[in-house]
């Protein structure tokens, strides 16, 4: 092979690498767009929150319909989820601070072991109802695959926001405050 053929071969190989890289990036982007579209299509945003009835760790009934008229922060969590455990003390503070203004936090443990979930509930002194979840309840809420997953539900039962994965808690607080009743003066 002479120098011109070698140079031509290298140029062809480089062009092939670039086009392969471009096609790969395009496929990744297209996959991300399709995934986002599928999530958006299955999203509960601006829809009525799916109803459920569970028994909490204090043997009281947790019926989502019974909280109509209140703003509900529905939080799916598990004991093995570090971000979940970081959120919970803040949720305790919010329940105390905003409960009188109409906020009700509800925790749903997605643990397999109720004893482990109850132990964490007691250790963190959670001041809001916590019940055990399961795959069926998770599916009602769009598939709870990664934790935490939190839904902000307005006083009319409509899902106003969804937070999947670790979320900046100030963002959630900014979204929930305008939905609450104003304090009496």
Protein backbone atom coordinates (compact mmCIF):
# COMPACT_ATOMS: atom_id res chain seq x y z
CA UNK A 1 0.00 0.00 0.00
CA UNK A 2 1.31 3.41 -0.84
CA UNK A 3 1.00 6.55 1.35
CA UNK A 4 -2.13 7.80 -0.45
CA UNK A 5 -3.95 4.50 0.12
CA UNK A 6 -2.90 4.41 3.80
CA UNK A 7 -4.08 8.00 4.33
CA UNK A 8 -7.36 7.22 2.56
CA UNK A 9 -7.84 4.10 4.70
CA UNK A 10 -7.23 6.08 7.93
CA UNK A 11 -9.67 8.79 6.85
CA UNK A 12 -12.29 6.14 6.10
CA UNK A 13 -11.73 4.45 9.51
CA UNK A 14 -11.99 7.80 11.33
CA UNK A 15 -15.19 8.66 9.47
CA UNK A 16 -16.59 5.22 10.37
CA UNK A 17 -15.70 5.73 14.06
CA UNK A 18 -17.34 9.18 14.08
CA UNK A 19 -20.50 7.90 12.43
CA UNK A 20 -20.64 4.96 14.85
CA UNK A 21 -20.22 7.34 17.79
CA UNK A 22 -22.88 9.66 16.36
CA UNK A 23 -25.31 6.76 15.86
CA UNK A 24 -24.64 5.52 19.41
CA UNK A 25 -25.26 8.97 20.90
CA UNK A 26 -28.40 9.35 18.80
CA UNK A 27 -29.68 5.96 20.01
CA UNK A 28 -29.02 6.92 23.65
CA UNK A 29 -30.82 10.24 23.23
CA UNK A 30 -33.73 8.60 21.45
CA UNK A 31 -33.95 5.98 24.22
CA UNK A 32 -34.03 8.72 26.86
CA UNK A 33 -36.77 10.59 25.00
CA UNK A 34 -38.88 7.44 24.60
CA UNK A 35 -38.41 6.64 28.30
CA UNK A 36 -39.46 10.16 29.31
CA UNK A 37 -42.49 9.98 27.03
CA UNK A 38 -43.50 6.63 28.50
CA UNK A 39 -43.11 8.01 32.03
CA UNK A 40 -45.10 11.14 31.16
CA UNK A 41 -47.87 9.03 29.63
CA UNK A 42 -48.05 6.95 32.83
CA UNK A 43 -47.58 9.92 35.13
CA UNK A 44 -50.23 10.74 37.71
CA UNK A 45 -49.53 14.45 37.47
CA UNK A 46 -52.79 16.46 37.40
CA UNK A 47 -54.83 13.27 37.83
CA UNK A 48 -56.81 12.00 40.78
CA UNK A 49 -54.57 10.16 43.24
CA UNK A 50 -55.34 6.43 43.33
CA UNK A 51 -57.40 5.52 46.37
CA UNK A 52 -56.14 3.04 48.94
CA UNK A 53 -56.93 1.87 52.45
CA UNK A 54 -54.24 0.45 54.75
CA UNK A 55 -53.69 -0.07 58.46
CA UNK A 56 -50.88 1.96 59.99
CA UNK A 57 -48.40 0.93 62.68
CA UNK A 58 -50.77 2.26 65.36
CA UNK A 59 -53.57 -0.03 64.06
CA UNK A 60 -55.53 2.91 62.65
CA UNK A 61 -57.07 2.95 59.20
CA UNK A 62 -55.28 5.07 56.60
CA UNK A 63 -57.87 5.83 53.93
CA UNK A 64 -56.65 8.37 51.38
CA UNK A 65 -60.25 9.53 50.80
CA UNK A 66 -60.55 10.45 54.47
CA UNK A 67 -57.87 13.10 53.93
CA UNK A 68 -59.86 14.97 51.28
CA UNK A 69 -59.71 18.63 52.22
CA UNK A 70 -56.09 18.27 53.35
CA UNK A 71 -52.87 18.49 51.37
CA UNK A 72 -51.24 15.06 51.45
CA UNK A 73 -47.55 14.33 51.04
CA UNK A 74 -47.50 10.60 50.23
CA UNK A 75 -44.00 9.20 50.69
CA UNK A 76 -42.93 5.71 49.59
CA UNK A 77 -39.75 4.62 51.40
CA UNK A 78 -37.77 1.67 52.75
CA UNK A 79 -35.41 1.09 55.66
CA UNK A 80 -32.48 0.31 53.34
CA UNK A 81 -32.91 3.61 51.45
CA UNK A 82 -30.45 6.21 52.81
CA UNK A 83 -32.10 9.22 51.09
CA UNK A 84 -35.44 8.09 52.55
CA UNK A 85 -34.02 8.16 56.05
CA UNK A 86 -32.58 11.63 55.46
CA UNK A 87 -36.00 12.98 54.43
CA UNK A 88 -37.97 11.63 57.37
CA UNK A 89 -36.81 14.05 60.11
CA UNK A 90 -37.75 16.95 57.83
CA UNK A 91 -41.16 15.38 57.21
CA UNK A 92 -41.63 15.14 61.00
CA UNK A 93 -40.86 18.88 61.26
CA UNK A 94 -43.25 19.69 58.40
CA UNK A 95 -46.05 17.65 59.97
CA UNK A 96 -45.67 19.66 63.19
CA UNK A 97 -45.27 23.00 61.44
CA UNK A 98 -47.81 22.67 58.61
CA UNK A 99 -50.26 20.11 60.04
CA UNK A 100 -52.38 22.89 61.59
CA UNK A 101 -52.56 24.46 58.11
CA UNK A 102 -53.92 21.29 56.51
CA UNK A 103 -50.86 19.14 55.70
CA UNK A 104 -51.00 15.40 56.26
CA UNK A 105 -47.92 13.32 55.57
CA UNK A 106 -48.46 9.61 54.98
CA UNK A 107 -45.57 7.18 54.81
CA UNK A 108 -45.71 3.91 52.91
CA UNK A 109 -42.93 1.46 53.71
CA UNK A 110 -42.04 -0.76 50.77
CA UNK A 111 -39.99 -3.07 52.99
CA UNK A 112 -40.65 -6.80 52.97
CA UNK A 113 -40.20 -6.93 56.75
CA UNK A 114 -42.80 -4.94 58.72
CA UNK A 115 -40.72 -5.33 61.90
CA UNK A 116 -37.76 -3.46 60.36
CA UNK A 117 -40.06 -0.69 59.13
CA UNK A 118 -41.80 -0.39 62.51
CA UNK A 119 -38.41 -0.25 64.24
CA UNK A 120 -37.30 2.70 62.07
CA UNK A 121 -40.70 4.36 62.55
CA UNK A 122 -40.22 4.19 66.32
CA UNK A 123 -36.52 5.14 66.24
CA UNK A 124 -37.20 8.30 64.20
CA UNK A 125 -40.35 9.10 66.23
CA UNK A 126 -42.41 9.68 63.09
CA UNK A 127 -45.47 11.80 63.91
CA UNK A 128 -47.47 10.83 60.85
CA UNK A 129 -49.18 7.59 59.82
CA UNK A 130 -47.02 4.90 58.24
CA UNK A 131 -48.44 1.78 56.65
CA UNK A 132 -46.93 -1.11 54.75
CA UNK A 133 -47.05 -1.01 50.97
CA UNK A 134 -46.80 -3.76 48.41
CA UNK A 135 -46.35 -4.24 44.70
CA UNK A 136 -50.06 -3.65 44.00
CA UNK A 137 -50.05 -0.25 45.75
CA UNK A 138 -46.77 0.64 44.05
CA UNK A 139 -48.30 -0.15 40.66
CA UNK A 140 -51.30 2.09 41.40
CA UNK A 141 -48.79 4.92 41.77
CA UNK A 142 -47.01 4.28 38.49
CA UNK A 143 -44.56 1.65 39.66
CA UNK A 144 -42.44 2.43 42.67
CA UNK A 145 -39.13 1.05 41.48
CA UNK A 146 -36.58 3.42 42.96
CA UNK A 147 -37.00 5.04 46.34
CA UNK A 148 -37.90 7.45 47.68
CA UNK A 149 -40.98 8.34 45.67
CA UNK A 150 -43.17 11.17 46.93
CA UNK A 151 -46.48 12.54 45.66
CA UNK A 152 -47.89 15.92 46.55
CA UNK A 153 -51.68 15.64 46.51
CA UNK A 154 -53.85 18.76 46.81
CA UNK A 155 -56.95 19.12 48.97
CA UNK A 156 -59.15 17.97 46.06
CA UNK A 157 -57.24 14.70 45.66
CA UNK A 158 -55.28 15.73 42.54
CA UNK A 159 -51.60 14.87 42.21
CA UNK A 160 -49.80 18.21 41.93
CA UNK A 161 -46.20 16.95 41.90
CA UNK A 162 -44.20 13.72 41.78
CA UNK A 163 -40.68 13.36 43.13
CA UNK A 164 -38.74 10.23 42.21
CA UNK A 165 -35.41 9.59 43.85
CA UNK A 166 -33.46 11.90 46.09
CA UNK A 167 -35.01 15.37 45.87
CA UNK A 168 -34.03 18.73 47.27
CA UNK A 169 -36.49 19.06 50.15
CA UNK A 170 -36.68 22.84 49.81
CA UNK A 171 -38.17 22.25 46.35
CA UNK A 172 -40.93 20.09 47.82
CA UNK A 173 -41.58 22.60 50.60
CA UNK A 174 -41.87 25.47 48.09
CA UNK A 175 -44.46 23.47 46.14
CA UNK A 176 -46.55 22.45 49.14
CA UNK A 177 -46.73 25.77 51.01
CA UNK A 178 -49.02 27.58 48.50
CA UNK A 179 -51.49 24.66 48.70
CA UNK A 180 -51.91 24.99 52.46
CA UNK A 181 -54.47 27.03 54.36
CA UNK A 182 -53.23 30.43 55.45
CA UNK A 183 -52.71 30.75 59.20
CA UNK A 184 -55.44 32.63 61.01
CA UNK A 185 -54.36 36.04 62.21
